[in-house]
Amino acid sequence: MAVSPDTVDESRELAVEEDLTFRLVSDPDRKFIKRFGVDDPANETAWPSVVVTHDTWLVFRHISESYDKRASVDRMKQAVSGVGRPDATPATQPKRDTRRQAKIGSVAPR
């Protein structure tokens, strides 16, 4: 799933134009974006970012100042490699972000 600060119509147009195979959620008020700490209020948009959660656990977050500098796929795979496995070690288990736990847990899918 991806979250965009664009309107529903703009997000729909982008999804069709780019033939996206995943859900693109419109968040023009940036409420969801703010909950994950990737809001760029000066420009009324979101910082280019990748956020991975598992239940209410923040597993991985990468924030960039430029859309062309993203986290590598290998880095994301490494971050999520042990999530949910009963034999995972503490180093591979997600860390609970206590500052955002309640906010992340309160986000309800529509």
C-alpha atoms as a PDB file:
ATOM      1  CA  MET A   1       0.000   0.000   0.000  1.00  0.00           C
ATOM      2  CA  ALA A   2       1.154   3.532  -0.701  1.00  0.00           C
ATOM      3  CA  VAL A   3      -0.186   6.747   0.791  1.00  0.00           C
ATOM      4  CA  SER A   4      -0.298   9.953  -1.209  1.00  0.00           C
ATOM      5  CA  PRO A   5      -1.186  13.508  -0.174  1.00  0.00           C
ATOM      6  CA  ASP A   6      -2.996  13.850  -3.516  1.00  0.00           C
ATOM      7  CA  THR A   7      -6.771  13.937  -3.893  1.00  0.00           C
ATOM      8  CA  VAL A   8      -8.724  10.768  -4.634  1.00  0.00           C
ATOM      9  CA  ASP A   9      -9.067  11.745  -8.289  1.00  0.00           C
ATOM     10  CA  GLU A  10      -5.335  12.519  -8.624  1.00  0.00           C
ATOM     11  CA  SER A  11      -4.412   9.250  -6.896  1.00  0.00           C
ATOM     12  CA  ARG A  12      -6.786   7.268  -9.115  1.00  0.00           C
ATOM     13  CA  GLU A  13      -5.331   8.903 -12.234  1.00  0.00           C
ATOM     14  CA  LEU A  14      -1.777   8.135 -11.096  1.00  0.00           C
ATOM     15  CA  ALA A  15      -2.648   4.512 -10.293  1.00  0.00           C
ATOM     16  CA  VAL A  16      -4.103   4.009 -13.777  1.00  0.00           C
ATOM     17  CA  GLU A  17      -1.323   5.938 -15.509  1.00  0.00           C
ATOM     18  CA  GLU A  18       1.422   3.958 -13.762  1.00  0.00           C
ATOM     19  CA  ASP A  19      -0.507   0.648 -13.824  1.00  0.00           C
ATOM     20  CA  LEU A  20       0.047   0.221 -10.078  1.00  0.00           C
ATOM     21  CA  THR A  21      -0.481  -3.271  -8.691  1.00  0.00           C
ATOM     22  CA  PHE A  22      -0.931  -2.114  -5.098  1.00  0.00           C
ATOM     23  CA  ARG A  23      -3.447   0.077  -3.304  1.00  0.00           C
ATOM     24  CA  LEU A  24      -2.800   3.836  -3.427  1.00  0.00           C
ATOM     25  CA  VAL A  25      -4.536   5.607  -0.561  1.00  0.00           C
ATOM     26  CA  SER A  26      -5.400   9.281  -0.856  1.00  0.00           C
ATOM     27  CA  ASP A  27      -4.601  11.408   2.215  1.00  0.00           C
ATOM     28  CA  PRO A  28      -5.050  15.068   1.191  1.00  0.00           C
ATOM     29  CA  ASP A  29      -5.329  16.202   4.838  1.00  0.00           C
ATOM     30  CA  ARG A  30      -2.105  14.262   5.574  1.00  0.00           C
ATOM     31  CA  LYS A  31      -3.579  12.742   8.770  1.00  0.00           C
ATOM     32  CA  PHE A  32      -2.127   9.292   8.084  1.00  0.00           C
ATOM     33  CA  ILE A  33       1.129  10.819   6.855  1.00  0.00           C
ATOM     34  CA  LYS A  34       1.483  12.846  10.081  1.00  0.00           C
ATOM     35  CA  ARG A  35       0.902   9.748  12.226  1.00  0.00           C
ATOM     36  CA  PHE A  36       3.961   8.125  10.713  1.00  0.00           C
ATOM     37  CA  GLY A  37       6.149  11.195  11.118  1.00  0.00           C
ATOM     38  CA  VAL A  38       6.771  11.812   7.411  1.00  0.00           C
ATOM     39  CA  ASP A  39       4.824  15.061   6.974  1.00  0.00           C
ATOM     40  CA  ASP A  40       6.560  18.004   5.289  1.00  0.00           C
ATOM     41  CA  PRO A  41       4.361  20.889   6.491  1.00  0.00           C
ATOM     42  CA  ALA A  42       6.460  23.600   4.844  1.00  0.00           C
ATOM     43  CA  ASN A  43       5.617  22.154   1.427  1.00  0.00           C
ATOM     44  CA  GLU A  44       2.210  20.683   2.368  1.00  0.00           C
ATOM     45  CA  THR A  45       3.227  17.201   1.275  1.00  0.00           C
ATOM     46  CA  ALA A  46       4.949  14.089   2.617  1.00  0.00           C
ATOM     47  CA  TRP A  47       8.657  13.448   2.712  1.00  0.00           C
ATOM     48  CA  PRO A  48       9.626  10.670   0.304  1.00  0.00           C
ATOM     49  CA  SER A  49       9.612   7.714   2.648  1.00  0.00           C
ATOM     50  CA  VAL A  50       9.080   4.043   3.262  1.00  0.00           C
ATOM     51  CA  VAL A  51       7.317   2.917   6.438  1.00  0.00           C
ATOM     52  CA  VAL A  52       6.837  -0.762   7.274  1.00  0.00           C
ATOM     53  CA  THR A  53       4.665  -1.857  10.186  1.00  0.00           C
ATOM     54  CA  HIS A  54       3.583  -5.198  11.567  1.00  0.00           C
ATOM     55  CA  ASP A  55       0.503  -4.982  13.775  1.00  0.00           C
ATOM     56  CA  THR A  56       1.318  -1.913  15.902  1.00  0.00           C
ATOM     57  CA  TRP A  57       5.079  -2.369  15.595  1.00  0.00           C
ATOM     58  CA  LEU A  58       7.188   0.042  13.608  1.00  0.00           C
ATOM     59  CA  VAL A  59       9.529  -2.305  11.727  1.00  0.00           C
ATOM     60  CA  PHE A  60      11.290   0.064   9.363  1.00  0.00           C
ATOM     61  CA  ARG A  61      11.182   3.745   8.461  1.00  0.00           C
ATOM     62  CA  HIS A  62      13.334   5.546   5.939  1.00  0.00           C
ATOM     63  CA  ILE A  63      12.809   9.243   5.227  1.00  0.00           C
ATOM     64  CA  SER A  64      14.588  11.054   2.423  1.00  0.00           C
ATOM     65  CA  GLU A  65      14.863  14.687   1.394  1.00  0.00           C
ATOM     66  CA  SER A  66      14.584  13.739  -2.274  1.00  0.00           C
ATOM     67  CA  TYR A  67      12.201  11.455  -4.145  1.00  0.00           C
ATOM     68  CA  ASP A  68      15.112   9.913  -6.056  1.00  0.00           C
ATOM     69  CA  LYS A  69      16.952   8.739  -2.919  1.00  0.00           C
ATOM     70  CA  ARG A  70      14.997   5.810  -1.535  1.00  0.00           C
ATOM     71  CA  ALA A  71      15.923   2.944   0.745  1.00  0.00           C
ATOM     72  CA  SER A  72      17.293  -0.005  -1.164  1.00  0.00           C
ATOM     73  CA  VAL A  73      15.197  -3.130  -1.569  1.00  0.00           C
ATOM     74  CA  ASP A  74      17.968  -5.111   0.168  1.00  0.00           C
ATOM     75  CA  ARG A  75      17.822  -2.786   3.188  1.00  0.00           C
ATOM     76  CA  MET A  76      14.042  -3.179   3.427  1.00  0.00           C
ATOM     77  CA  LYS A  77      14.253  -6.969   3.068  1.00  0.00           C
ATOM     78  CA  GLN A  78      16.849  -7.105   5.841  1.00  0.00           C
ATOM     79  CA  ALA A  79      14.612  -5.014   8.112  1.00  0.00           C
ATOM     80  CA  VAL A  80      11.605  -7.309   7.690  1.00  0.00           C
ATOM     81  CA  SER A  81      13.367 -10.668   7.338  1.00  0.00           C
ATOM     82  CA  GLY A  82      12.493 -12.008  10.784  1.00  0.00           C
ATOM     83  CA  VAL A  83       9.170 -10.316  11.400  1.00  0.00           C
ATOM     84  CA  GLY A  84       6.499 -12.690  12.617  1.00  0.00           C
ATOM     85  CA  ARG A  85       8.725 -15.769  12.718  1.00  0.00           C
ATOM     86  CA  PRO A  86       8.546 -17.601  16.065  1.00  0.00           C
ATOM     87  CA  ASP A  87      12.249 -18.510  15.838  1.00  0.00           C
ATOM     88  CA  ALA A  88      13.390 -14.935  15.135  1.00  0.00           C
ATOM     89  CA  THR A  89      16.032 -13.498  17.434  1.00  0.00           C
ATOM     90  CA  PRO A  90      15.551 -10.180  19.277  1.00  0.00           C
ATOM     91  CA  ALA A  91      17.784  -8.533  16.664  1.00  0.00           C
ATOM     92  CA  THR A  92      15.353  -9.505  13.910  1.00  0.00           C
ATOM     93  CA  GLN A  93      12.175  -8.714  15.819  1.00  0.00           C
ATOM     94  CA  PRO A  94      10.577  -5.334  15.202  1.00  0.00           C
ATOM     95  CA  LYS A  95      11.060  -2.633  17.784  1.00  0.00           C
ATOM     96  CA  ARG A  96       7.987  -1.069  19.304  1.00  0.00           C
ATOM     97  CA  ASP A  97       8.086   2.684  18.719  1.00  0.00           C
ATOM     98  CA  THR A  98       6.616   3.795  22.042  1.00  0.00           C
ATOM     99  CA  ARG A  99       6.385   7.400  20.918  1.00  0.00           C
ATOM    100  CA  ARG A 100       4.033   6.439  18.085  1.00  0.00           C
ATOM    101  CA  GLN A 101       2.545   3.181  19.357  1.00  0.00           C
ATOM    102  CA  ALA A 102      -0.887   4.546  20.204  1.00  0.00           C
ATOM    103  CA  LYS A 103      -1.092   6.567  17.026  1.00  0.00           C
ATOM    104  CA  ILE A 104      -0.034   3.683  14.795  1.00  0.00           C
ATOM    105  CA  GLY A 105      -2.421   1.337  16.564  1.00  0.00           C
ATOM    106  CA  SER A 106      -5.302   3.761  16.100  1.00  0.00           C
ATOM    107  CA  VAL A 107      -5.081   3.823  12.308  1.00  0.00           C
ATOM    108  CA  ALA A 108      -8.011   1.811  11.019  1.00  0.00           C
ATOM    109  CA  PRO A 109      -8.033   0.509   7.458  1.00  0.00           C
ATOM    110  CA  ARG A 110     -11.016   1.547   5.375  1.00  0.00           C
END
